[in-house]
């Protein structure tokens, strides 16, 4: 059953594309973690 995983793969690809525009590695990492947390409905760690 690959169908439920397809939207997640597309979302992760979108995150990867969005974070490339950020200037610093730490900013890219933080932004990526925040988006993944939002996708899973988890609280964002500080």
PDB file of N, CA and C in Angstrom:
ATOM      1  N   UNK A   1       0.831  -1.186   0.000  1.00  0.00           N
ATOM      2  CA  UNK A   1       0.000   0.000   0.000  1.00  0.00           C
ATOM      3  C   UNK A   1       0.876   1.251   0.000  1.00  0.00           C
ATOM      4  N   UNK A   2       1.261   1.686  -1.133  1.00  0.00           N
ATOM      5  CA  UNK A   2       2.096   2.884  -1.227  1.00  0.00           C
ATOM      6  C   UNK A   2       1.270   4.153  -1.318  1.00  0.00           C
ATOM      7  N   UNK A   3       0.003   4.038  -1.511  1.00  0.00           N
ATOM      8  CA  UNK A   3      -0.834   5.220  -1.707  1.00  0.00           C
ATOM      9  C   UNK A   3      -0.828   6.176  -0.517  1.00  0.00           C
ATOM     10  N   UNK A   4      -1.007   5.749   0.745  1.00  0.00           N
ATOM     11  CA  UNK A   4      -0.988   6.706   1.856  1.00  0.00           C
ATOM     12  C   UNK A   4       0.361   7.393   2.038  1.00  0.00           C
ATOM     13  N   UNK A   5       1.429   6.789   1.600  1.00  0.00           N
ATOM     14  CA  UNK A   5       2.752   7.380   1.774  1.00  0.00           C
ATOM     15  C   UNK A   5       3.056   8.439   0.719  1.00  0.00           C
ATOM     16  N   UNK A   6       2.357   8.415  -0.390  1.00  0.00           N
ATOM     17  CA  UNK A   6       2.631   9.356  -1.475  1.00  0.00           C
ATOM     18  C   UNK A   6       2.481  10.813  -1.033  1.00  0.00           C
ATOM     19  N   UNK A   7       1.405  11.205  -0.327  1.00  0.00           N
ATOM     20  CA  UNK A   7       1.312  12.604   0.105  1.00  0.00           C
ATOM     21  C   UNK A   7       2.454  13.002   1.038  1.00  0.00           C
ATOM     22  N   UNK A   8       2.894  12.096   1.869  1.00  0.00           N
ATOM     23  CA  UNK A   8       4.000  12.393   2.774  1.00  0.00           C
ATOM     24  C   UNK A   8       5.290  12.611   1.991  1.00  0.00           C
ATOM     25  N   UNK A   9       5.515  11.816   0.987  1.00  0.00           N
ATOM     26  CA  UNK A   9       6.713  11.979   0.164  1.00  0.00           C
ATOM     27  C   UNK A   9       6.690  13.318  -0.564  1.00  0.00           C
ATOM     28  N   UNK A  10       5.527  13.704  -1.054  1.00  0.00           N
ATOM     29  CA  UNK A  10       5.393  14.996  -1.735  1.00  0.00           C
ATOM     30  C   UNK A  10       5.616  16.127  -0.747  1.00  0.00           C
ATOM     31  N   UNK A  11       5.082  16.000   0.456  1.00  0.00           N
ATOM     32  CA  UNK A  11       5.271  17.032   1.476  1.00  0.00           C
ATOM     33  C   UNK A  11       6.742  17.162   1.852  1.00  0.00           C
ATOM     34  N   UNK A  12       7.417  16.051   2.009  1.00  0.00           N
ATOM     35  CA  UNK A  12       8.849  16.102   2.348  1.00  0.00           C
ATOM     36  C   UNK A  12       9.668  16.727   1.224  1.00  0.00           C
ATOM     37  N   UNK A  13       9.306  16.436  -0.009  1.00  0.00           N
ATOM     38  CA  UNK A  13      10.006  17.048  -1.144  1.00  0.00           C
ATOM     39  C   UNK A  13       9.773  18.555  -1.154  1.00  0.00           C
ATOM     40  N   UNK A  14       8.562  18.970  -0.827  1.00  0.00           N
ATOM     41  CA  UNK A  14       8.259  20.400  -0.746  1.00  0.00           C
ATOM     42  C   UNK A  14       9.038  21.083   0.351  1.00  0.00           C
ATOM     43  N   UNK A  15       9.175  20.424   1.479  1.00  0.00           N
ATOM     44  CA  UNK A  15       9.960  20.967   2.590  1.00  0.00           C
ATOM     45  C   UNK A  15      11.412  21.118   2.166  1.00  0.00           C
ATOM     46  N   UNK A  16      11.947  20.097   1.539  1.00  0.00           N
ATOM     47  CA  UNK A  16      13.345  20.146   1.106  1.00  0.00           C
ATOM     48  C   UNK A  16      13.575  21.295   0.133  1.00  0.00           C
ATOM     49  N   UNK A  17      12.628  21.518  -0.755  1.00  0.00           N
ATOM     50  CA  UNK A  17      12.750  22.609  -1.717  1.00  0.00           C
ATOM     51  C   UNK A  17      12.653  23.965  -1.025  1.00  0.00           C
ATOM     52  N   UNK A  18      11.737  24.089  -0.070  1.00  0.00           N
ATOM     53  CA  UNK A  18      11.548  25.363   0.629  1.00  0.00           C
ATOM     54  C   UNK A  18      12.756  25.734   1.480  1.00  0.00           C
ATOM     55  N   UNK A  19      13.355  24.780   2.138  1.00  0.00           N
ATOM     56  CA  UNK A  19      14.463  25.099   3.042  1.00  0.00           C
ATOM     57  C   UNK A  19      15.753  25.424   2.308  1.00  0.00           C
ATOM     58  N   UNK A  20      15.861  25.080   1.052  1.00  0.00           N
ATOM     59  CA  UNK A  20      17.071  25.405   0.296  1.00  0.00           C
ATOM     60  C   UNK A  20      17.263  26.907   0.160  1.00  0.00           C
ATOM     61  N   UNK A  21      16.179  27.680   0.229  1.00  0.00           N
ATOM     62  CA  UNK A  21      16.265  29.130   0.070  1.00  0.00           C
ATOM     63  C   UNK A  21      16.797  29.826   1.321  1.00  0.00           C
ATOM     64  N   UNK A  22      16.841  29.137   2.448  1.00  0.00           N
ATOM     65  CA  UNK A  22      17.324  29.754   3.685  1.00  0.00           C
ATOM     66  C   UNK A  22      18.853  29.828   3.675  1.00  0.00           C
ATOM     67  N   UNK A  23      19.405  30.932   4.184  1.00  0.00           N
ATOM     68  CA  UNK A  23      20.841  31.180   4.035  1.00  0.00           C
ATOM     69  C   UNK A  23      21.775  30.312   4.881  1.00  0.00           C
ATOM     70  N   UNK A  24      21.375  29.951   6.088  1.00  0.00           N
ATOM     71  CA  UNK A  24      22.278  29.235   6.990  1.00  0.00           C
ATOM     72  C   UNK A  24      21.781  27.821   7.249  1.00  0.00           C
ATOM     73  N   UNK A  25      22.715  26.916   7.447  1.00  0.00           N
ATOM     74  CA  UNK A  25      22.386  25.508   7.695  1.00  0.00           C
ATOM     75  C   UNK A  25      21.472  25.354   8.917  1.00  0.00           C
ATOM     76  N   UNK A  26      21.753  26.086   9.987  1.00  0.00           N
ATOM     77  CA  UNK A  26      20.931  25.993  11.202  1.00  0.00           C
ATOM     78  C   UNK A  26      19.494  26.428  10.917  1.00  0.00           C
ATOM     79  N   UNK A  27      19.326  27.472  10.108  1.00  0.00           N
ATOM     80  CA  UNK A  27      17.986  27.933   9.742  1.00  0.00           C
ATOM     81  C   UNK A  27      17.252  26.874   8.935  1.00  0.00           C
ATOM     82  N   UNK A  28      17.956  26.249   7.992  1.00  0.00           N
ATOM     83  CA  UNK A  28      17.337  25.207   7.173  1.00  0.00           C
ATOM     84  C   UNK A  28      16.915  24.021   8.025  1.00  0.00           C
ATOM     85  N   UNK A  29      17.765  23.614   8.949  1.00  0.00           N
ATOM     86  CA  UNK A  29      17.442  22.480   9.823  1.00  0.00           C
ATOM     87  C   UNK A  29      16.234  22.782  10.700  1.00  0.00           C
ATOM     88  N   UNK A  30      16.220  23.970  11.307  1.00  0.00           N
ATOM     89  CA  UNK A  30      15.115  24.356  12.191  1.00  0.00           C
ATOM     90  C   UNK A  30      13.805  24.421  11.415  1.00  0.00           C
ATOM     91  N   UNK A  31      13.827  25.045  10.258  1.00  0.00           N
ATOM     92  CA  UNK A  31      12.627  25.175   9.436  1.00  0.00           C
ATOM     93  C   UNK A  31      12.091  23.802   9.033  1.00  0.00           C
ATOM     94  N   UNK A  32      12.977  22.923   8.635  1.00  0.00           N
ATOM     95  CA  UNK A  32      12.561  21.577   8.261  1.00  0.00           C
ATOM     96  C   UNK A  32      11.936  20.824   9.420  1.00  0.00           C
ATOM     97  N   UNK A  33      12.539  20.936  10.601  1.00  0.00           N
ATOM     98  CA  UNK A  33      11.978  20.269  11.790  1.00  0.00           C
ATOM     99  C   UNK A  33      10.610  20.830  12.147  1.00  0.00           C
ATOM    100  N   UNK A  34      10.442  22.146  12.041  1.00  0.00           N
ATOM    101  CA  UNK A  34       9.156  22.758  12.360  1.00  0.00           C
ATOM    102  C   UNK A  34       8.064  22.277  11.410  1.00  0.00           C
ATOM    103  N   UNK A  35       8.365  22.201  10.130  1.00  0.00           N
ATOM    104  CA  UNK A  35       7.359  21.756   9.172  1.00  0.00           C
ATOM    105  C   UNK A  35       6.995  20.290   9.363  1.00  0.00           C
ATOM    106  N   UNK A  36       7.974  19.463   9.641  1.00  0.00           N
ATOM    107  CA  UNK A  36       7.685  18.048   9.882  1.00  0.00           C
ATOM    108  C   UNK A  36       6.835  17.893  11.140  1.00  0.00           C
ATOM    109  N   UNK A  37       7.135  18.673  12.175  1.00  0.00           N
ATOM    110  CA  UNK A  37       6.342  18.621  13.404  1.00  0.00           C
ATOM    111  C   UNK A  37       4.900  19.037  13.129  1.00  0.00           C
ATOM    112  N   UNK A  38       4.714  20.067  12.314  1.00  0.00           N
ATOM    113  CA  UNK A  38       3.360  20.499  11.972  1.00  0.00           C
ATOM    114  C   UNK A  38       2.621  19.427  11.182  1.00  0.00           C
ATOM    115  N   UNK A  39       3.315  18.759  10.282  1.00  0.00           N
ATOM    116  CA  UNK A  39       2.681  17.701   9.497  1.00  0.00           C
ATOM    117  C   UNK A  39       2.181  16.573  10.386  1.00  0.00           C
ATOM    118  N   UNK A  40       2.914  16.281  11.427  1.00  0.00           N
ATOM    119  CA  UNK A  40       2.550  15.183  12.320  1.00  0.00           C
ATOM    120  C   UNK A  40       1.729  15.643  13.517  1.00  0.00           C
ATOM    121  N   UNK A  41       1.456  16.940  13.619  1.00  0.00           N
ATOM    122  CA  UNK A  41       0.651  17.454  14.716  1.00  0.00           C
ATOM    123  C   UNK A  41       1.370  17.435  16.049  1.00  0.00           C
ATOM    124  N   UNK A  42       2.689  17.532  16.024  1.00  0.00           N
ATOM    125  CA  UNK A  42       3.481  17.511  17.251  1.00  0.00           C
ATOM    126  C   UNK A  42       3.837  18.934  17.676  1.00  0.00           C
ATOM    127  N   UNK A  43       4.078  19.156  18.966  1.00  0.00           N
ATOM    128  CA  UNK A  43       4.543  20.476  19.388  1.00  0.00           C
ATOM    129  C   UNK A  43       5.967  20.709  18.886  1.00  0.00           C
ATOM    130  N   UNK A  44       6.248  21.944  18.522  1.00  0.00           N
ATOM    131  CA  UNK A  44       7.575  22.291  18.021  1.00  0.00           C
ATOM    132  C   UNK A  44       8.502  22.516  19.201  1.00  0.00           C
ATOM    133  N   UNK A  45       9.625  21.798  19.238  1.00  0.00           N
ATOM    134  CA  UNK A  45      10.604  21.957  20.320  1.00  0.00           C
ATOM    135  C   UNK A  45      11.383  23.248  20.114  1.00  0.00           C
ATOM    136  N   UNK A  46      11.745  23.897  21.204  1.00  0.00           N
ATOM    137  CA  UNK A  46      12.487  25.167  21.111  1.00  0.00           C
ATOM    138  C   UNK A  46      13.938  24.924  20.783  1.00  0.00           C
TER     139      UNK A  46
END
